[in-house]
Amino acid sequence: MYNEFIKALKVRVIGADGENIGVLGTREARDLAQAAGLDLVEISPNSEPPVCKFLDVGKYKFEAQKKAALARRHQKTQDIKEIKLRPGIDSHDYDVKLKAVQRFIDDGDKVKVTLRFKGREMAHNEYGMKVMDRMKTDTATFAKVEQEPKFEGKQVLMVIAPK
């Protein structure tokens, strides 16, 4: 019964070079593909009749892998770099950190700015917020703030991303 069903099923066959061979029985189409040294692959199962094509499946998979590898090679991953600050940072040290932030942003990476408090510095957390606000205004020309400065325990975190 199964063999009769297979014989009765008709498919539209497309050759290896793209020409339309016509509507054939599945067994006949499979025999033609084997004679050509190729595989019969169903391309569009929902059409009436279903569309099949002669392909070399191994070669097709190899080409697909090459395309995927090429796409991975050309894609830029976005890393998150971290800059650590202190509330009493000196102006020159701040400028060095700001240049590092700008270099990271120019490379296309996000920057996580961490400001840590130690000991009694937590009593004057407004100094830390001033440093973070200064960083926010200084980077406004070339970056946008993705995550506003917020306290997490003894530190303030802010995330800056390229515009």
N, C-alpha and C. Protein backbone atom coordinates (compact mmCIF):
# COMPACT_ATOMS: atom_id res chain seq x y z
N MET A 1 0.82 -1.19 0.00
CA MET A 1 0.00 0.00 0.00
C MET A 1 0.87 1.26 0.00
N TYR A 2 1.95 1.27 0.80
CA TYR A 2 2.84 2.42 0.87
C TYR A 2 3.49 2.67 -0.49
N ASN A 3 3.95 1.60 -1.16
CA ASN A 3 4.58 1.75 -2.47
C ASN A 3 3.61 2.33 -3.50
N GLU A 4 2.33 1.94 -3.41
CA GLU A 4 1.34 2.49 -4.32
C GLU A 4 1.16 3.98 -4.06
N PHE A 5 1.19 4.38 -2.77
CA PHE A 5 1.06 5.79 -2.41
C PHE A 5 2.24 6.59 -2.95
N ILE A 6 3.44 6.04 -2.81
CA ILE A 6 4.64 6.71 -3.30
C ILE A 6 4.58 6.84 -4.82
N LYS A 7 4.12 5.80 -5.51
CA LYS A 7 4.03 5.87 -6.97
C LYS A 7 3.01 6.92 -7.40
N ALA A 8 1.92 7.06 -6.64
CA ALA A 8 0.85 7.97 -7.01
C ALA A 8 1.20 9.43 -6.72
N LEU A 9 2.13 9.69 -5.80
CA LEU A 9 2.46 11.05 -5.42
C LEU A 9 3.28 11.72 -6.51
N LYS A 10 2.82 12.87 -6.94
CA LYS A 10 3.49 13.61 -8.01
C LYS A 10 4.18 14.83 -7.40
N VAL A 11 5.33 15.17 -7.97
CA VAL A 11 6.08 16.34 -7.52
C VAL A 11 6.56 17.12 -8.74
N ARG A 12 6.67 18.44 -8.58
CA ARG A 12 7.26 19.27 -9.64
C ARG A 12 8.77 19.20 -9.42
N VAL A 13 9.52 18.88 -10.47
CA VAL A 13 10.96 18.66 -10.35
C VAL A 13 11.70 19.79 -11.05
N ILE A 14 12.71 20.32 -10.35
CA ILE A 14 13.59 21.35 -10.91
C ILE A 14 14.99 20.75 -10.97
N GLY A 15 15.63 20.88 -12.11
CA GLY A 15 16.96 20.30 -12.30
C GLY A 15 18.04 21.02 -11.52
N ALA A 16 19.26 20.50 -11.60
CA ALA A 16 20.40 21.05 -10.85
C ALA A 16 20.75 22.45 -11.32
N ASP A 17 20.56 22.74 -12.61
CA ASP A 17 20.92 24.06 -13.13
C ASP A 17 19.72 25.01 -13.15
N GLY A 18 18.58 24.63 -12.51
CA GLY A 18 17.44 25.52 -12.36
C GLY A 18 16.35 25.36 -13.40
N GLU A 19 16.50 24.46 -14.38
CA GLU A 19 15.46 24.31 -15.40
C GLU A 19 14.32 23.45 -14.85
N ASN A 20 13.12 23.73 -15.31
CA ASN A 20 11.93 23.02 -14.87
C ASN A 20 11.79 21.74 -15.68
N ILE A 21 11.92 20.60 -15.02
CA ILE A 21 11.83 19.31 -15.72
C ILE A 21 10.36 18.93 -15.91
N GLY A 22 9.51 19.25 -14.93
CA GLY A 22 8.08 18.97 -15.06
C GLY A 22 7.56 18.23 -13.85
N VAL A 23 6.32 17.75 -13.95
CA VAL A 23 5.68 17.02 -12.87
C VAL A 23 5.91 15.53 -13.10
N LEU A 24 6.54 14.88 -12.12
CA LEU A 24 6.87 13.46 -12.22
C LEU A 24 6.43 12.75 -10.95
N GLY A 25 6.38 11.43 -11.02
CA GLY A 25 6.15 10.64 -9.83
C GLY A 25 7.41 10.68 -8.95
N THR A 26 7.22 10.48 -7.67
CA THR A 26 8.37 10.60 -6.76
C THR A 26 9.45 9.55 -7.05
N ARG A 27 9.03 8.33 -7.36
CA ARG A 27 10.02 7.29 -7.64
C ARG A 27 10.82 7.63 -8.89
N GLU A 28 10.13 8.10 -9.94
CA GLU A 28 10.79 8.47 -11.19
C GLU A 28 11.75 9.65 -10.96
N ALA A 29 11.30 10.63 -10.17
CA ALA A 29 12.15 11.80 -9.87
C ALA A 29 13.38 11.38 -9.08
N ARG A 30 13.20 10.45 -8.13
CA ARG A 30 14.34 9.97 -7.34
C ARG A 30 15.32 9.20 -8.22
N ASP A 31 14.81 8.41 -9.13
CA ASP A 31 15.69 7.65 -10.04
C ASP A 31 16.48 8.60 -10.94
N LEU A 32 15.84 9.67 -11.45
CA LEU A 32 16.55 10.65 -12.28
C LEU A 32 17.66 11.34 -11.48
N ALA A 33 17.37 11.67 -10.21
CA ALA A 33 18.37 12.32 -9.37
C ALA A 33 19.55 11.40 -9.13
N GLN A 34 19.28 10.13 -8.86
CA GLN A 34 20.37 9.17 -8.64
C GLN A 34 21.19 8.98 -9.90
N ALA A 35 20.54 9.00 -11.05
CA ALA A 35 21.27 8.85 -12.31
C ALA A 35 22.18 10.04 -12.53
N ALA A 36 21.78 11.23 -12.06
CA ALA A 36 22.61 12.43 -12.20
C ALA A 36 23.66 12.52 -11.10
N GLY A 37 23.60 11.60 -10.12
CA GLY A 37 24.56 11.62 -9.02
C GLY A 37 24.22 12.67 -7.97
N LEU A 38 22.93 13.04 -7.87
CA LEU A 38 22.50 14.08 -6.94
C LEU A 38 21.40 13.53 -6.03
N ASP A 39 20.94 14.36 -5.11
CA ASP A 39 19.86 14.00 -4.20
C ASP A 39 18.60 14.76 -4.59
N LEU A 40 17.45 14.17 -4.31
CA LEU A 40 16.17 14.83 -4.55
C LEU A 40 15.75 15.48 -3.23
N VAL A 41 15.67 16.81 -3.23
CA VAL A 41 15.38 17.56 -2.00
C VAL A 41 14.08 18.33 -2.19
N GLU A 42 13.18 18.19 -1.22
CA GLU A 42 11.90 18.90 -1.27
C GLU A 42 12.13 20.36 -0.86
N ILE A 43 11.80 21.28 -1.75
CA ILE A 43 12.02 22.70 -1.53
C ILE A 43 10.78 23.36 -0.94
N SER A 44 9.63 23.12 -1.54
CA SER A 44 8.38 23.77 -1.13
C SER A 44 7.30 22.70 -0.93
N PRO A 45 7.15 22.20 0.30
CA PRO A 45 6.19 21.11 0.53
C PRO A 45 4.74 21.56 0.53
N ASN A 46 4.45 22.85 0.72
CA ASN A 46 3.06 23.30 0.84
C ASN A 46 2.40 23.63 -0.49
N SER A 47 3.17 23.70 -1.56
CA SER A 47 2.56 24.00 -2.86
C SER A 47 1.91 22.75 -3.43
N GLU A 48 1.13 22.95 -4.49
CA GLU A 48 0.44 21.80 -5.10
C GLU A 48 0.84 21.70 -6.55
N PRO A 49 1.53 20.73 -7.04
CA PRO A 49 2.20 19.66 -6.29
C PRO A 49 3.47 20.18 -5.60
N PRO A 50 3.98 19.43 -4.63
CA PRO A 50 5.21 19.86 -3.93
C PRO A 50 6.38 20.02 -4.91
N VAL A 51 7.27 20.96 -4.61
CA VAL A 51 8.41 21.24 -5.50
C VAL A 51 9.65 20.58 -4.93
N CYS A 52 10.37 19.83 -5.79
CA CYS A 52 11.61 19.17 -5.41
C CYS A 52 12.71 19.61 -6.37
N LYS A 53 13.95 19.55 -5.90
CA LYS A 53 15.08 20.00 -6.70
C LYS A 53 16.22 19.01 -6.57
N PHE A 54 16.99 18.88 -7.67
CA PHE A 54 18.18 18.05 -7.64
C PHE A 54 19.31 18.85 -7.01
N LEU A 55 19.87 18.36 -5.90
CA LEU A 55 20.96 19.04 -5.20
C LEU A 55 21.98 18.02 -4.73
N ASP A 56 23.20 18.49 -4.56
CA ASP A 56 24.21 17.71 -3.84
C ASP A 56 24.16 18.21 -2.40
N VAL A 57 23.56 17.44 -1.50
CA VAL A 57 23.30 17.89 -0.14
C VAL A 57 24.60 18.19 0.60
N GLY A 58 25.62 17.39 0.41
CA GLY A 58 26.91 17.64 1.07
C GLY A 58 27.49 18.98 0.65
N LYS A 59 27.45 19.27 -0.64
CA LYS A 59 27.96 20.53 -1.15
C LYS A 59 27.11 21.70 -0.64
N TYR A 60 25.79 21.50 -0.58
CA TYR A 60 24.89 22.54 -0.10
C TYR A 60 25.18 22.88 1.37
N LYS A 61 25.38 21.85 2.19
CA LYS A 61 25.70 22.08 3.61
C LYS A 61 27.04 22.78 3.76
N PHE A 62 28.02 22.38 2.95
CA PHE A 62 29.34 23.01 3.00
C PHE A 62 29.26 24.49 2.65
N GLU A 63 28.50 24.83 1.60
CA GLU A 63 28.34 26.23 1.21
C GLU A 63 27.63 27.02 2.31
N ALA A 64 26.63 26.42 2.95
CA ALA A 64 25.91 27.10 4.02
C ALA A 64 26.84 27.36 5.21
N GLN A 65 27.71 26.40 5.53
CA GLN A 65 28.67 26.59 6.62
C GLN A 65 29.65 27.71 6.29
N LYS A 66 30.11 27.76 5.03
CA LYS A 66 31.04 28.82 4.62
C LYS A 66 30.39 30.20 4.74
N LYS A 67 29.12 30.31 4.33
CA LYS A 67 28.42 31.59 4.43
C LYS A 67 28.26 32.01 5.89
N ALA A 68 27.92 31.05 6.76
CA ALA A 68 27.74 31.35 8.18
C ALA A 68 29.06 31.78 8.81
N ALA A 69 30.16 31.11 8.46
CA ALA A 69 31.47 31.47 9.00
C ALA A 69 31.89 32.86 8.54
N LEU A 70 31.61 33.18 7.28
CA LEU A 70 31.94 34.51 6.76
C LEU A 70 31.13 35.59 7.47
N ALA A 71 29.86 35.31 7.73
CA ALA A 71 29.02 36.28 8.44
C ALA A 71 29.52 36.49 9.87
N ARG A 72 29.94 35.40 10.53
CA ARG A 72 30.47 35.53 11.90
C ARG A 72 31.76 36.32 11.92
N ARG A 73 32.59 36.14 10.89
CA ARG A 73 33.87 36.81 10.85
C ARG A 73 33.71 38.32 10.70
N HIS A 74 32.68 38.75 9.97
CA HIS A 74 32.49 40.17 9.70
C HIS A 74 31.60 40.87 10.71
N GLN A 75 31.10 40.14 11.71
CA GLN A 75 30.22 40.79 12.67
C GLN A 75 31.04 41.29 13.86
N LYS A 76 30.69 42.49 14.33
CA LYS A 76 31.40 43.12 15.45
C LYS A 76 30.62 42.84 16.72
N THR A 77 31.28 42.22 17.69
CA THR A 77 30.63 42.00 18.97
C THR A 77 30.85 43.22 19.84
N GLN A 78 29.85 43.54 20.63
CA GLN A 78 29.95 44.71 21.48
C GLN A 78 30.30 44.25 22.90
N ASP A 79 31.47 44.67 23.35
CA ASP A 79 31.93 44.31 24.68
C ASP A 79 31.53 45.40 25.67
N ILE A 80 31.58 45.06 26.95
CA ILE A 80 31.36 46.05 28.00
C ILE A 80 32.69 46.24 28.72
N LYS A 81 33.25 47.43 28.59
CA LYS A 81 34.48 47.78 29.27
C LYS A 81 34.11 48.46 30.59
N GLU A 82 35.01 48.38 31.57
CA GLU A 82 34.72 48.98 32.86
C GLU A 82 35.78 49.99 33.24
N ILE A 83 35.33 51.13 33.72
CA ILE A 83 36.21 52.19 34.24
C ILE A 83 35.86 52.36 35.71
N LYS A 84 36.88 52.32 36.58
CA LYS A 84 36.65 52.46 38.01
C LYS A 84 37.13 53.83 38.47
N LEU A 85 36.28 54.49 39.23
CA LEU A 85 36.58 55.83 39.75
C LEU A 85 36.44 55.83 41.27
N ARG A 86 36.94 56.92 41.88
CA ARG A 86 36.76 57.17 43.31
C ARG A 86 36.16 58.56 43.46
N PRO A 87 35.47 58.85 44.56
CA PRO A 87 34.84 60.16 44.71
C PRO A 87 35.84 61.31 44.77
N GLY A 88 37.02 61.09 45.28
CA GLY A 88 38.00 62.16 45.39
C GLY A 88 39.02 62.14 44.28
N ILE A 89 38.64 61.76 43.07
CA ILE A 89 39.58 61.63 41.96
C ILE A 89 40.13 63.00 41.57
N ASP A 90 41.41 63.06 41.28
CA ASP A 90 42.07 64.29 40.88
C ASP A 90 41.69 64.63 39.43
N SER A 91 41.81 65.89 39.05
CA SER A 91 41.35 66.31 37.72
C SER A 91 42.16 65.65 36.60
N HIS A 92 43.48 65.49 36.77
CA HIS A 92 44.28 64.85 35.73
C HIS A 92 43.93 63.37 35.60
N ASP A 93 43.75 62.70 36.74
CA ASP A 93 43.36 61.29 36.70
C ASP A 93 41.99 61.14 36.02
N TYR A 94 41.10 62.08 36.31
CA TYR A 94 39.78 62.06 35.69
C TYR A 94 39.90 62.21 34.17
N ASP A 95 40.79 63.11 33.72
CA ASP A 95 40.96 63.32 32.28
C ASP A 95 41.48 62.06 31.60
N VAL A 96 42.39 61.34 32.28
CA VAL A 96 42.92 60.08 31.72
C VAL A 96 41.79 59.06 31.58
N LYS A 97 40.95 58.96 32.61
CA LYS A 97 39.82 58.02 32.56
C LYS A 97 38.83 58.43 31.47
N LEU A 98 38.61 59.73 31.31
CA LEU A 98 37.69 60.22 30.28
C LEU A 98 38.20 59.87 28.88
N LYS A 99 39.52 59.99 28.66
CA LYS A 99 40.09 59.61 27.37
C LYS A 99 39.93 58.12 27.11
N ALA A 100 40.07 57.31 28.17
CA ALA A 100 39.87 55.87 28.01
C ALA A 100 38.42 55.57 27.65
N VAL A 101 37.48 56.27 28.29
CA VAL A 101 36.06 56.07 27.96
C VAL A 101 35.82 56.42 26.50
N GLN A 102 36.38 57.54 26.04
CA GLN A 102 36.18 57.97 24.66
C GLN A 102 36.78 56.95 23.69
N ARG A 103 37.93 56.40 24.01
CA ARG A 103 38.56 55.39 23.15
C ARG A 103 37.68 54.13 23.06
N PHE A 104 37.13 53.70 24.20
CA PHE A 104 36.26 52.52 24.20
C PHE A 104 35.00 52.77 23.38
N ILE A 105 34.41 53.97 23.54
CA ILE A 105 33.19 54.31 22.80
C ILE A 105 33.49 54.37 21.30
N ASP A 106 34.64 54.94 20.93
CA ASP A 106 35.02 55.02 19.51
C ASP A 106 35.22 53.64 18.90
N ASP A 107 35.64 52.68 19.72
CA ASP A 107 35.80 51.30 19.24
C ASP A 107 34.46 50.57 19.13
N GLY A 108 33.38 51.22 19.60
CA GLY A 108 32.05 50.61 19.50
C GLY A 108 31.64 49.81 20.71
N ASP A 109 32.36 49.94 21.81
CA ASP A 109 32.04 49.18 23.02
C ASP A 109 31.23 50.03 24.00
N LYS A 110 30.49 49.35 24.86
CA LYS A 110 29.80 50.03 25.95
C LYS A 110 30.79 50.19 27.10
N VAL A 111 30.54 51.18 27.96
CA VAL A 111 31.42 51.42 29.10
C VAL A 111 30.59 51.43 30.37
N LYS A 112 31.02 50.63 31.34
CA LYS A 112 30.38 50.61 32.65
C LYS A 112 31.27 51.42 33.58
N VAL A 113 30.75 52.53 34.07
CA VAL A 113 31.51 53.41 34.95
C VAL A 113 31.13 53.05 36.38
N THR A 114 32.12 52.64 37.19
CA THR A 114 31.90 52.23 38.57
C THR A 114 32.62 53.21 39.48
N LEU A 115 31.90 53.77 40.44
CA LEU A 115 32.49 54.67 41.41
C LEU A 115 32.34 54.02 42.78
N ARG A 116 33.47 53.67 43.41
CA ARG A 116 33.45 52.96 44.68
C ARG A 116 33.71 53.90 45.84
N PHE A 117 32.96 53.69 46.91
CA PHE A 117 33.18 54.41 48.16
C PHE A 117 33.87 53.49 49.15
N LYS A 118 34.80 54.04 49.93
CA LYS A 118 35.47 53.28 50.98
C LYS A 118 35.26 53.99 52.31
N GLY A 119 35.04 53.20 53.34
CA GLY A 119 34.98 53.73 54.71
C GLY A 119 34.00 54.86 54.88
N ARG A 120 34.51 56.00 55.36
CA ARG A 120 33.66 57.15 55.70
C ARG A 120 33.23 57.96 54.48
N GLU A 121 33.70 57.61 53.31
CA GLU A 121 33.28 58.33 52.11
C GLU A 121 31.78 58.21 51.87
N MET A 122 31.16 57.14 52.37
CA MET A 122 29.72 56.94 52.18
C MET A 122 28.91 58.04 52.85
N ALA A 123 29.48 58.72 53.85
CA ALA A 123 28.77 59.80 54.52
C ALA A 123 28.57 60.99 53.58
N HIS A 124 29.43 61.12 52.57
CA HIS A 124 29.34 62.23 51.62
C HIS A 124 29.17 61.69 50.20
N ASN A 125 28.09 60.97 49.96
CA ASN A 125 27.88 60.37 48.65
C ASN A 125 27.56 61.39 47.58
N GLU A 126 27.29 62.66 47.96
CA GLU A 126 27.04 63.69 46.95
C GLU A 126 28.29 63.97 46.12
N TYR A 127 29.49 63.75 46.69
CA TYR A 127 30.73 63.93 45.93
C TYR A 127 30.81 62.91 44.80
N GLY A 128 30.39 61.71 45.10
CA GLY A 128 30.38 60.67 44.08
C GLY A 128 29.41 60.98 42.96
N MET A 129 28.23 61.49 43.32
CA MET A 129 27.24 61.83 42.30
C MET A 129 27.72 63.00 41.44
N LYS A 130 28.49 63.93 42.03
CA LYS A 130 29.04 65.04 41.25
C LYS A 130 30.01 64.51 40.19
N VAL A 131 30.85 63.53 40.58
CA VAL A 131 31.80 62.94 39.63
C VAL A 131 31.04 62.24 38.50
N MET A 132 29.97 61.52 38.85
CA MET A 132 29.19 60.81 37.83
C MET A 132 28.46 61.80 36.91
N ASP A 133 27.92 62.87 37.47
CA ASP A 133 27.26 63.87 36.63
C ASP A 133 28.27 64.54 35.70
N ARG A 134 29.48 64.79 36.20
CA ARG A 134 30.53 65.37 35.36
C ARG A 134 30.87 64.43 34.21
N MET A 135 30.97 63.13 34.50
CA MET A 135 31.26 62.13 33.46
C MET A 135 30.13 62.12 32.44
N LYS A 136 28.89 62.23 32.93
CA LYS A 136 27.74 62.21 32.02
C LYS A 136 27.76 63.41 31.08
N THR A 137 28.05 64.59 31.59
CA THR A 137 28.06 65.78 30.73
C THR A 137 29.26 65.79 29.79
N ASP A 138 30.41 65.28 30.26
CA ASP A 138 31.61 65.28 29.41
C ASP A 138 31.51 64.28 28.27
N THR A 139 30.74 63.22 28.44
CA THR A 139 30.60 62.22 27.38
C THR A 139 29.36 62.44 26.52
N ALA A 140 28.58 63.46 26.81
CA ALA A 140 27.32 63.68 26.09
C ALA A 140 27.53 63.94 24.60
N THR A 141 28.69 64.47 24.20
CA THR A 141 28.90 64.78 22.78
C THR A 141 29.12 63.54 21.93
N PHE A 142 29.68 62.48 22.48
CA PHE A 142 30.00 61.29 21.68
C PHE A 142 29.34 60.02 22.16
N ALA A 143 28.57 60.08 23.25
CA ALA A 143 27.94 58.87 23.79
C ALA A 143 26.61 59.23 24.44
N LYS A 144 25.81 58.19 24.70
CA LYS A 144 24.55 58.39 25.41
C LYS A 144 24.56 57.53 26.66
N VAL A 145 23.86 57.99 27.67
CA VAL A 145 23.77 57.25 28.93
C VAL A 145 22.70 56.19 28.76
N GLU A 146 23.10 54.94 28.84
CA GLU A 146 22.15 53.84 28.69
C GLU A 146 21.50 53.50 30.03
N GLN A 147 22.27 53.62 31.10
CA GLN A 147 21.73 53.37 32.44
C GLN A 147 22.18 54.52 33.33
N GLU A 148 21.24 55.22 33.88
CA GLU A 148 21.54 56.38 34.74
C GLU A 148 22.33 55.92 35.98
N PRO A 149 23.09 56.84 36.59
CA PRO A 149 23.84 56.48 37.80
C PRO A 149 22.89 56.04 38.92
N LYS A 150 23.19 54.90 39.54
CA LYS A 150 22.37 54.44 40.65
C LYS A 150 23.25 53.74 41.68
N PHE A 151 22.84 53.84 42.92
CA PHE A 151 23.58 53.23 44.01
C PHE A 151 23.30 51.75 44.09
N GLU A 152 24.36 50.97 44.27
CA GLU A 152 24.25 49.54 44.55
C GLU A 152 25.25 49.23 45.65
N GLY A 153 24.78 49.26 46.88
CA GLY A 153 25.67 49.02 48.01
C GLY A 153 26.63 50.18 48.20
N LYS A 154 27.94 49.90 48.16
CA LYS A 154 28.95 50.94 48.36
C LYS A 154 29.50 51.48 47.04
N GLN A 155 28.74 51.35 45.97
CA GLN A 155 29.20 51.85 44.69
C GLN A 155 28.06 52.45 43.88
N VAL A 156 28.42 53.28 42.92
CA VAL A 156 27.47 53.89 42.00
C VAL A 156 27.82 53.36 40.61
N LEU A 157 26.82 52.89 39.87
CA LEU A 157 27.04 52.33 38.53
C LEU A 157 26.32 53.16 37.48
N MET A 158 26.96 53.28 36.31
CA MET A 158 26.37 53.95 35.17
C MET A 158 26.89 53.26 33.91
N VAL A 159 26.03 53.09 32.92
CA VAL A 159 26.44 52.46 31.66
C VAL A 159 26.30 53.49 30.54
N ILE A 160 27.38 53.64 29.77
CA ILE A 160 27.43 54.58 28.65
C ILE A 160 27.59 53.77 27.38
N ALA A 161 26.82 54.13 26.33
CA ALA A 161 26.87 53.41 25.05
C ALA A 161 27.16 54.38 23.92
N PRO A 162 27.67 53.91 22.79
CA PRO A 162 27.90 54.79 21.64
C PRO A 162 26.57 55.35 21.13
N LYS A 163 26.62 56.55 20.55
CA LYS A 163 25.40 57.17 20.00
C LYS A 163 24.98 56.44 18.74
